[in-house]
């Protein structure tokens, strides 16, 4: 997929760094792409990767939702054993 993007997108800075396939694109009531939900999904993937892969908390539960002071609320729940080892 990256090769296709590089062949079809003329400007190198516009090439995607990552490609993630989604089952369906969230839409607004008028049919436009609902970007806040896509941002929440991307944030959840990033935080999960950092907490699980880099910090080693494989049983962490990450929840991301719209709202909060900056437009997104992220919460990470660790198991008692995982939290004690930190």
N, C-alpha and C. Protein backbone atom coordinates (compact mmCIF):
# COMPACT_ATOMS: atom_id res chain seq x y z
N UNK A 1 0.81 -1.19 0.00
CA UNK A 1 0.00 0.00 0.00
C UNK A 1 0.86 1.26 0.00
N UNK A 2 1.97 1.22 0.76
CA UNK A 2 2.84 2.39 0.78
C UNK A 2 3.40 2.68 -0.61
N UNK A 3 3.74 1.62 -1.35
CA UNK A 3 4.28 1.81 -2.69
C UNK A 3 3.26 2.49 -3.60
N UNK A 4 2.00 2.06 -3.49
CA UNK A 4 0.94 2.67 -4.29
C UNK A 4 0.79 4.15 -3.93
N UNK A 5 0.81 4.46 -2.65
CA UNK A 5 0.68 5.86 -2.22
C UNK A 5 1.84 6.69 -2.75
N UNK A 6 3.03 6.14 -2.72
CA UNK A 6 4.19 6.88 -3.19
C UNK A 6 4.15 7.10 -4.70
N UNK A 7 3.59 6.13 -5.43
CA UNK A 7 3.47 6.29 -6.88
C UNK A 7 2.40 7.31 -7.25
N UNK A 8 1.32 7.36 -6.48
CA UNK A 8 0.18 8.20 -6.87
C UNK A 8 0.15 9.58 -6.22
N UNK A 9 0.91 9.79 -5.15
CA UNK A 9 0.95 11.08 -4.48
C UNK A 9 2.26 11.76 -4.87
N UNK A 10 2.14 12.92 -5.51
CA UNK A 10 3.31 13.58 -6.09
C UNK A 10 4.27 14.15 -5.04
N UNK A 11 3.75 14.66 -3.94
CA UNK A 11 4.60 15.33 -2.96
C UNK A 11 5.02 14.38 -1.85
N UNK A 12 6.31 14.22 -1.66
CA UNK A 12 6.83 13.31 -0.65
C UNK A 12 6.31 13.63 0.76
N UNK A 13 6.23 14.91 1.18
CA UNK A 13 5.72 15.18 2.53
C UNK A 13 4.28 14.70 2.74
N UNK A 14 3.52 14.50 1.68
CA UNK A 14 2.14 14.05 1.80
C UNK A 14 2.01 12.53 1.87
N UNK A 15 3.11 11.81 1.69
CA UNK A 15 3.04 10.34 1.76
C UNK A 15 2.65 9.92 3.17
N UNK A 16 1.77 8.96 3.31
CA UNK A 16 1.37 8.51 4.64
C UNK A 16 2.51 7.79 5.36
N UNK A 17 2.63 8.04 6.65
CA UNK A 17 3.63 7.35 7.45
C UNK A 17 3.11 5.98 7.87
N UNK A 18 1.82 5.91 8.11
CA UNK A 18 1.16 4.66 8.48
C UNK A 18 -0.15 4.57 7.73
N UNK A 19 -0.56 3.34 7.45
CA UNK A 19 -1.85 3.10 6.83
C UNK A 19 -2.60 2.13 7.73
N UNK A 20 -3.79 2.51 8.13
CA UNK A 20 -4.63 1.66 8.99
C UNK A 20 -5.97 1.48 8.30
N UNK A 21 -6.36 0.24 8.10
CA UNK A 21 -7.63 -0.07 7.45
C UNK A 21 -8.74 -0.10 8.51
N UNK A 22 -9.82 0.61 8.27
CA UNK A 22 -10.97 0.62 9.17
C UNK A 22 -12.15 -0.10 8.51
N UNK A 23 -13.00 -0.68 9.33
CA UNK A 23 -14.17 -1.40 8.81
C UNK A 23 -15.14 -0.43 8.12
N UNK A 24 -15.37 0.70 8.76
CA UNK A 24 -16.25 1.70 8.16
C UNK A 24 -15.81 3.08 8.63
N UNK A 25 -16.01 4.06 7.79
CA UNK A 25 -15.66 5.44 8.10
C UNK A 25 -16.83 6.07 8.84
N UNK A 26 -16.59 6.66 10.03
CA UNK A 26 -17.69 7.32 10.73
C UNK A 26 -18.15 8.56 9.97
N UNK A 27 -19.45 8.72 9.88
CA UNK A 27 -20.02 9.83 9.14
C UNK A 27 -20.93 10.67 10.03
N UNK A 28 -21.06 11.94 9.68
CA UNK A 28 -22.00 12.82 10.37
C UNK A 28 -23.40 12.54 9.82
N UNK A 29 -24.38 13.21 10.37
CA UNK A 29 -25.75 13.01 9.92
C UNK A 29 -25.97 13.49 8.49
N UNK A 30 -25.10 14.37 8.00
CA UNK A 30 -25.22 14.85 6.62
C UNK A 30 -24.28 14.12 5.66
N UNK A 31 -23.58 13.10 6.15
CA UNK A 31 -22.75 12.27 5.29
C UNK A 31 -21.30 12.68 5.14
N UNK A 32 -20.84 13.64 5.94
CA UNK A 32 -19.43 14.01 5.89
C UNK A 32 -18.63 13.11 6.83
N UNK A 33 -17.34 12.98 6.55
CA UNK A 33 -16.48 12.17 7.42
C UNK A 33 -16.38 12.84 8.79
N UNK A 34 -16.60 12.04 9.85
CA UNK A 34 -16.57 12.55 11.22
C UNK A 34 -15.15 12.38 11.76
N UNK A 35 -14.33 13.40 11.58
CA UNK A 35 -12.91 13.33 11.91
C UNK A 35 -12.60 13.16 13.40
N UNK A 36 -13.39 13.73 14.33
CA UNK A 36 -13.07 13.52 15.74
C UNK A 36 -13.03 12.05 16.14
N UNK A 37 -13.91 11.23 15.60
CA UNK A 37 -13.90 9.81 15.92
C UNK A 37 -12.65 9.13 15.35
N UNK A 38 -12.24 9.55 14.15
CA UNK A 38 -11.01 9.00 13.57
C UNK A 38 -9.79 9.40 14.41
N UNK A 39 -9.79 10.62 14.94
CA UNK A 39 -8.69 11.05 15.81
C UNK A 39 -8.66 10.23 17.10
N UNK A 40 -9.84 9.96 17.66
CA UNK A 40 -9.91 9.14 18.87
C UNK A 40 -9.38 7.73 18.60
N UNK A 41 -9.75 7.15 17.48
CA UNK A 41 -9.26 5.82 17.12
C UNK A 41 -7.74 5.82 16.97
N UNK A 42 -7.19 6.84 16.33
CA UNK A 42 -5.74 6.94 16.15
C UNK A 42 -5.04 7.12 17.50
N UNK A 43 -5.61 7.93 18.37
CA UNK A 43 -5.02 8.14 19.70
C UNK A 43 -5.04 6.86 20.51
N UNK A 44 -6.13 6.09 20.41
CA UNK A 44 -6.21 4.83 21.14
C UNK A 44 -5.15 3.85 20.66
N UNK A 45 -4.95 3.77 19.34
CA UNK A 45 -3.91 2.88 18.81
C UNK A 45 -2.53 3.31 19.31
N UNK A 46 -2.25 4.61 19.30
CA UNK A 46 -0.96 5.12 19.73
C UNK A 46 -0.71 4.86 21.21
N UNK A 47 -1.68 5.22 22.06
CA UNK A 47 -1.51 5.05 23.51
C UNK A 47 -1.40 3.56 23.84
N UNK A 48 -2.20 2.72 23.20
CA UNK A 48 -2.12 1.28 23.45
C UNK A 48 -0.74 0.75 23.09
N UNK A 49 -0.21 1.19 21.95
CA UNK A 49 1.12 0.74 21.53
C UNK A 49 2.19 1.17 22.53
N UNK A 50 2.12 2.40 23.01
CA UNK A 50 3.11 2.89 23.97
C UNK A 50 3.00 2.15 25.29
N UNK A 51 1.78 2.03 25.82
CA UNK A 51 1.60 1.40 27.13
C UNK A 51 1.92 -0.09 27.08
N UNK A 52 1.46 -0.77 26.06
CA UNK A 52 1.66 -2.22 25.99
C UNK A 52 3.06 -2.60 25.51
N UNK A 53 3.46 -2.06 24.37
CA UNK A 53 4.73 -2.47 23.77
C UNK A 53 5.94 -1.83 24.43
N UNK A 54 5.91 -0.54 24.63
CA UNK A 54 7.09 0.14 25.15
C UNK A 54 7.21 0.08 26.66
N UNK A 55 6.07 0.12 27.36
CA UNK A 55 6.12 0.09 28.83
C UNK A 55 5.88 -1.31 29.39
N UNK A 56 5.43 -2.24 28.56
CA UNK A 56 5.28 -3.62 28.98
C UNK A 56 4.02 -3.95 29.76
N UNK A 57 3.02 -3.10 29.74
CA UNK A 57 1.76 -3.37 30.44
C UNK A 57 0.78 -3.98 29.44
N UNK A 58 0.93 -5.27 29.17
CA UNK A 58 0.15 -5.92 28.12
C UNK A 58 -1.34 -6.04 28.46
N UNK A 59 -1.69 -5.95 29.72
CA UNK A 59 -3.10 -6.10 30.11
C UNK A 59 -3.78 -4.75 30.35
N UNK A 60 -3.18 -3.67 29.88
CA UNK A 60 -3.76 -2.34 30.07
C UNK A 60 -5.01 -2.18 29.20
N UNK A 61 -5.98 -1.43 29.74
CA UNK A 61 -7.19 -1.09 28.99
C UNK A 61 -7.16 0.40 28.70
N UNK A 62 -7.21 0.74 27.45
CA UNK A 62 -7.15 2.14 27.03
C UNK A 62 -8.51 2.54 26.47
N UNK A 63 -9.03 3.65 26.97
CA UNK A 63 -10.29 4.19 26.46
C UNK A 63 -10.06 5.64 26.04
N UNK A 64 -10.55 5.97 24.86
CA UNK A 64 -10.43 7.33 24.35
C UNK A 64 -11.82 7.77 23.93
N UNK A 65 -12.22 8.95 24.37
CA UNK A 65 -13.54 9.47 23.99
C UNK A 65 -13.43 10.96 23.71
N UNK A 66 -14.41 11.46 22.99
CA UNK A 66 -14.48 12.89 22.70
C UNK A 66 -14.85 13.62 23.99
N UNK A 67 -14.42 14.84 24.07
CA UNK A 67 -14.74 15.66 25.24
C UNK A 67 -13.48 16.05 25.98
N UNK A 68 -13.64 16.43 27.22
CA UNK A 68 -12.50 16.89 27.99
C UNK A 68 -12.14 18.31 27.62
N UNK A 69 -11.12 18.83 28.27
CA UNK A 69 -10.73 20.23 28.06
C UNK A 69 -10.13 20.47 26.68
N UNK A 70 -9.46 19.51 26.12
CA UNK A 70 -8.78 19.69 24.84
C UNK A 70 -9.45 18.94 23.70
N UNK A 71 -10.66 18.44 23.93
CA UNK A 71 -11.39 17.78 22.86
C UNK A 71 -11.32 16.27 22.87
N UNK A 72 -10.47 15.70 23.75
CA UNK A 72 -10.32 14.25 23.80
C UNK A 72 -9.97 13.85 25.23
N UNK A 73 -10.56 12.76 25.68
CA UNK A 73 -10.28 12.26 27.02
C UNK A 73 -9.68 10.87 26.88
N UNK A 74 -8.49 10.67 27.43
CA UNK A 74 -7.80 9.39 27.35
C UNK A 74 -7.66 8.84 28.76
N UNK A 75 -8.07 7.59 28.97
CA UNK A 75 -7.87 6.96 30.27
C UNK A 75 -7.24 5.59 30.08
N UNK A 76 -6.29 5.27 30.95
CA UNK A 76 -5.58 4.01 30.90
C UNK A 76 -5.79 3.32 32.24
N UNK A 77 -6.27 2.08 32.19
CA UNK A 77 -6.47 1.29 33.40
C UNK A 77 -5.50 0.13 33.40
N UNK A 78 -4.71 0.01 34.46
CA UNK A 78 -3.75 -1.08 34.59
C UNK A 78 -4.28 -2.08 35.63
N UNK A 79 -3.92 -3.34 35.48
CA UNK A 79 -4.29 -4.32 36.48
C UNK A 79 -3.48 -4.05 37.75
N UNK A 80 -3.92 -4.59 38.87
CA UNK A 80 -3.23 -4.36 40.14
C UNK A 80 -1.78 -4.84 40.07
N UNK A 81 -1.54 -6.00 39.46
CA UNK A 81 -0.18 -6.54 39.35
C UNK A 81 0.68 -5.66 38.45
N UNK A 82 0.11 -5.18 37.37
CA UNK A 82 0.86 -4.33 36.44
C UNK A 82 1.17 -2.98 37.08
N UNK A 83 0.22 -2.42 37.82
CA UNK A 83 0.43 -1.13 38.46
C UNK A 83 1.45 -1.23 39.59
N UNK A 84 1.49 -2.36 40.30
CA UNK A 84 2.43 -2.55 41.39
C UNK A 84 3.86 -2.67 40.89
N UNK A 85 4.03 -3.22 39.69
CA UNK A 85 5.38 -3.39 39.15
C UNK A 85 5.95 -2.13 38.54
N UNK A 86 5.13 -1.08 38.38
CA UNK A 86 5.63 0.16 37.76
C UNK A 86 6.45 0.98 38.70
